[in-house]
N, C-alpha and C. Protein backbone atom coordinates (compact mmCIF):
# COMPACT_ATOMS: atom_id res chain seq x y z
N MET A 1 0.94 -0.75 -0.17
CA MET A 1 -0.02 -0.06 -0.37
C MET A 1 0.91 1.20 0.52
N SER A 2 0.81 2.30 -0.92
CA SER A 2 1.78 3.45 -1.17
C SER A 2 1.13 4.20 0.29
N ARG A 3 1.77 4.91 0.61
CA ARG A 3 1.44 5.84 1.89
C ARG A 3 1.23 7.62 0.53
N LYS A 4 0.31 8.61 0.79
CA LYS A 4 0.12 10.11 0.25
C LYS A 4 1.56 10.53 1.40
N GLU A 5 2.19 11.13 0.46
CA GLU A 5 2.91 12.27 1.28
C GLU A 5 2.24 13.68 1.24
N THR A 6 3.08 14.17 2.92
CA THR A 6 1.63 15.17 3.14
C THR A 6 3.29 16.19 3.43
N LYS A 7 1.99 17.58 3.37
CA LYS A 7 3.37 18.68 3.41
C LYS A 7 3.01 19.84 4.80
N MET A 8 3.41 20.17 5.42
CA MET A 8 3.45 21.18 6.50
C MET A 8 2.38 20.52 7.80
N ALA A 9 2.57 19.43 7.99
CA ALA A 9 1.94 19.29 9.15
C ALA A 9 3.13 18.56 10.54
N SER A 10 2.19 17.72 11.66
CA SER A 10 3.14 17.59 12.34
C SER A 10 2.98 15.75 12.95
N CYS A 11 3.33 15.44 12.83
CA CYS A 11 3.82 13.65 13.15
C CYS A 11 2.59 13.63 14.44
N VAL A 12 1.60 12.88 14.27
CA VAL A 12 0.29 12.74 15.76
C VAL A 12 1.16 12.26 16.73
N PHE A 13 2.55 11.49 16.77
CA PHE A 13 3.03 10.94 17.61
C PHE A 13 4.10 11.70 18.40
N CYS A 14 4.47 12.59 17.72
CA CYS A 14 5.82 13.32 18.38
C CYS A 14 5.76 14.61 17.96
N GLY A 15 5.56 14.98 17.35
CA GLY A 15 4.68 16.54 17.03
C GLY A 15 6.24 16.99 15.96
N GLU A 16 6.76 15.99 15.34
CA GLU A 16 8.21 16.64 14.97
C GLU A 16 8.00 16.58 13.05
N SER A 17 8.16 17.43 12.27
CA SER A 17 7.57 17.55 10.87
C SER A 17 7.27 16.03 10.24
N ALA A 18 5.69 16.26 9.77
CA ALA A 18 5.23 14.61 8.87
C ALA A 18 5.90 14.81 7.38
N THR A 19 6.01 13.33 6.83
CA THR A 19 6.42 13.07 5.55
C THR A 19 6.36 12.62 5.23
N LYS A 20 5.10 11.42 5.22
CA LYS A 20 4.17 10.77 5.52
C LYS A 20 2.76 10.56 5.68
N GLN A 21 1.64 9.91 5.52
CA GLN A 21 0.66 9.52 6.19
C GLN A 21 0.68 7.89 6.41
N ASN A 22 -0.21 7.48 7.68
CA ASN A 22 -0.08 6.17 7.65
C ASN A 22 -1.29 5.51 6.62
N GLN A 23 -1.66 4.80 7.09
CA GLN A 23 -2.85 3.86 6.39
C GLN A 23 -4.78 4.44 7.51
N GLU A 24 -4.36 5.62 7.92
CA GLU A 24 -5.75 6.17 8.22
C GLU A 24 -5.54 7.31 8.09
N GLY A 25 -4.59 7.75 6.66
CA GLY A 25 -4.23 8.94 6.84
C GLY A 25 -3.56 10.37 7.66
N GLN A 26 -3.37 9.72 8.49
CA GLN A 26 -3.20 10.24 9.82
C GLN A 26 -1.48 11.39 9.22
N PRO A 27 -1.06 12.37 9.65
CA PRO A 27 0.59 12.67 9.21
C PRO A 27 0.92 11.65 10.08
N VAL A 28 2.61 11.50 9.68
CA VAL A 28 3.39 10.45 10.52
C VAL A 28 4.64 11.13 10.18
N CYS A 29 6.09 10.54 10.82
CA CYS A 29 7.30 11.09 10.30
C CYS A 29 8.11 9.58 9.76
N ARG A 30 8.95 9.77 9.09
CA ARG A 30 9.38 8.50 9.12
C ARG A 30 9.64 7.82 10.74
N ASP A 31 9.75 8.42 11.20
CA ASP A 31 10.28 7.46 12.30
C ASP A 31 8.88 6.17 13.21
N HIS A 32 7.71 6.77 13.09
CA HIS A 32 6.40 6.59 12.98
C HIS A 32 5.57 5.67 11.91
N ALA A 33 6.30 5.99 10.45
CA ALA A 33 5.32 5.25 9.89
C ALA A 33 4.67 4.24 9.62
N GLU A 34 5.18 3.39 10.70
CA GLU A 34 4.94 2.24 10.33
C GLU A 34 3.69 1.58 12.20
N GLN A 35 4.23 2.47 12.84
CA GLN A 35 2.95 2.75 13.68
C GLN A 35 1.65 2.58 13.53
N PRO A 36 1.07 2.00 14.51
CA PRO A 36 -0.68 1.37 14.19
C PRO A 36 -1.33 2.71 14.36
N PRO A 37 -2.19 2.86 13.82
CA PRO A 37 -3.01 4.10 13.64
C PRO A 37 -3.42 4.63 15.51
N LYS A 38 -3.01 6.31 15.55
CA LYS A 38 -3.29 6.31 16.82
C LYS A 38 -4.28 7.06 17.11
N ASN A 39 -5.23 6.20 18.28
CA ASN A 39 -6.82 6.31 18.18
C ASN A 39 -6.65 7.67 19.80
N VAL A 40 -7.82 8.92 19.40
CA VAL A 40 -7.89 9.51 20.34
C VAL A 40 -9.37 9.89 20.54
N GLU A 41 -9.79 9.12 21.78
CA GLU A 41 -11.08 9.55 22.80
C GLU A 41 -11.43 11.30 22.80
N CYS A 42 -12.26 11.50 23.00
CA CYS A 42 -12.87 13.02 23.32
C CYS A 42 -12.92 12.62 24.83
N PRO A 43 -12.58 13.65 25.47
CA PRO A 43 -12.45 13.83 26.72
C PRO A 43 -14.06 14.61 27.59
N ASP A 44 -14.43 14.89 26.49
CA ASP A 44 -15.76 15.37 27.11
C ASP A 44 -17.27 14.29 27.16
N CYS A 45 -17.12 13.64 25.75
CA CYS A 45 -18.39 12.95 25.52
C CYS A 45 -18.14 11.10 25.32
N GLY A 46 -16.67 11.11 25.02
CA GLY A 46 -16.53 9.88 25.10
C GLY A 46 -16.62 9.15 23.65
N LEU A 47 -16.32 10.28 22.60
CA LEU A 47 -16.59 9.12 21.45
C LEU A 47 -15.02 9.55 20.93
N PRO A 48 -15.04 8.87 19.44
CA PRO A 48 -13.50 8.97 18.90
C PRO A 48 -13.24 10.51 18.40
N MET A 49 -12.45 10.81 17.91
CA MET A 49 -11.91 12.18 17.62
C MET A 49 -11.24 11.17 16.76
N LYS A 50 -11.07 12.53 15.11
CA LYS A 50 -11.52 11.71 13.74
C LYS A 50 -10.16 13.34 13.68
N LEU A 51 -8.92 13.00 12.49
CA LEU A 51 -7.99 13.28 12.41
C LEU A 51 -8.77 14.63 11.18
N LYS A 52 -8.58 15.86 11.11
CA LYS A 52 -9.33 16.58 9.85
C LYS A 52 -8.35 17.15 9.90
N GLU A 53 -8.53 17.86 7.86
CA GLU A 53 -7.59 19.15 7.77
C GLU A 53 -8.35 20.14 7.37
N GLY A 54 -8.02 21.71 8.25
CA GLY A 54 -9.01 22.59 8.22
C GLY A 54 -7.52 23.74 7.64
N GLN A 55 -8.49 24.65 7.94
CA GLN A 55 -7.72 26.31 6.89
C GLN A 55 -6.43 25.80 7.95
N TYR A 56 -6.00 26.24 8.79
CA TYR A 56 -4.89 26.08 9.27
C TYR A 56 -3.53 25.09 9.25
N GLY A 57 -4.41 23.65 9.26
CA GLY A 57 -4.01 22.22 9.15
C GLY A 57 -4.32 21.54 9.79
N PHE A 58 -3.95 20.12 10.36
CA PHE A 58 -4.50 19.03 10.85
C PHE A 58 -4.95 19.72 11.95
N PHE A 59 -5.93 18.61 12.68
CA PHE A 59 -6.58 18.85 14.19
C PHE A 59 -7.16 17.49 14.59
N TRP A 60 -7.56 17.53 15.98
CA TRP A 60 -8.25 16.65 16.17
C TRP A 60 -9.97 17.12 16.49
N GLY A 61 -10.92 15.98 15.56
CA GLY A 61 -12.30 16.66 16.40
C GLY A 61 -12.86 15.63 16.79
N CYS A 62 -13.77 16.11 17.44
CA CYS A 62 -14.95 14.75 17.82
C CYS A 62 -16.10 14.28 17.01
N GLU A 63 -15.84 13.02 16.56
CA GLU A 63 -17.01 12.76 15.97
C GLU A 63 -18.81 12.80 16.17
N GLY A 64 -18.63 13.28 17.23
CA GLY A 64 -20.19 13.73 17.82
C GLY A 64 -20.17 15.31 17.24
N TYR A 65 -19.14 15.90 16.87
CA TYR A 65 -19.67 17.02 16.35
C TYR A 65 -20.80 17.10 15.10
N PRO A 66 -22.41 18.25 15.76
CA PRO A 66 -22.42 19.37 16.12
C PRO A 66 -22.23 19.32 17.61
N GLN A 67 -22.99 17.96 17.68
CA GLN A 67 -23.11 17.96 19.23
C GLN A 67 -21.87 18.36 20.46
N CYS A 68 -21.34 17.55 19.95
CA CYS A 68 -20.16 18.08 20.82
C CYS A 68 -18.93 18.42 19.71
N GLN A 69 -18.42 20.00 19.97
CA GLN A 69 -17.42 20.50 19.50
C GLN A 69 -16.11 20.32 19.82
N LYS A 70 -15.57 19.84 20.82
CA LYS A 70 -14.32 19.54 21.40
C LYS A 70 -13.10 19.45 19.80
N THR A 71 -12.10 20.39 20.01
CA THR A 71 -11.27 20.08 19.27
C THR A 71 -9.82 20.27 20.23
N PHE A 72 -8.36 19.38 19.25
CA PHE A 72 -7.50 19.68 19.98
C PHE A 72 -6.22 19.93 18.55
N GLN A 73 -5.29 20.99 18.68
CA GLN A 73 -4.08 20.87 17.73
C GLN A 73 -3.66 19.35 17.75
N ILE A 74 -2.95 19.30 17.16
CA ILE A 74 -2.15 17.79 16.45
C ILE A 74 -0.74 17.94 17.92
N GLN A 75 -0.26 18.91 18.15
CA GLN A 75 1.37 19.04 19.00
C GLN A 75 0.30 18.86 20.62
N ASP A 76 -0.89 18.99 20.75
CA ASP A 76 -1.72 19.34 22.07
C ASP A 76 -1.48 17.90 22.74
N LEU A 77 -1.43 16.51 21.60
CA LEU A 77 -2.05 15.17 22.09
C LEU A 77 -0.75 14.47 21.56
N THR A 78 0.48 15.04 21.62
CA THR A 78 1.78 14.24 21.04
C THR A 78 1.99 13.88 22.23
N ASP A 79 3.34 12.61 22.06
CA ASP A 79 3.66 11.95 23.22
C ASP A 79 5.18 12.76 23.42
N ARG A 80 5.43 13.87 22.67
CA ARG A 80 6.83 15.09 23.01
C ARG A 80 6.48 15.09 24.24
N GLU A 81 8.24 14.90 24.73
CA GLU A 81 8.55 15.43 25.94
C GLU A 81 9.25 17.55 26.37
N ASP A 82 9.35 18.39 26.64
CA ASP A 82 9.53 19.52 26.94
C ASP A 82 9.92 19.86 27.56
C-alpha cells in the first residue's frame, strides 16, 4: 500500500515534521510511519476523535460534532516531552 506524502503537518505521535501519512491518513514522520494509527477519545463525550484538515492544518475533532465541538491541535496530544 502506498502512502500519501503530506506537507506542513506535524506527526501525530511526536510532533516533528510529518513527511508521510499512515493507513488512516494521519500525518506521521519517518520514525512513526509503521506505527498503528493513533486513537484519541474525546474527553468531553467519550466518542472517538478523527483527524481533520482545516484551513490552518490538521487537528483532532470529535466525531460527535455538531453536538460536541471539542477539538485539539496535533501538538496538544503528542507524546513529545518538552
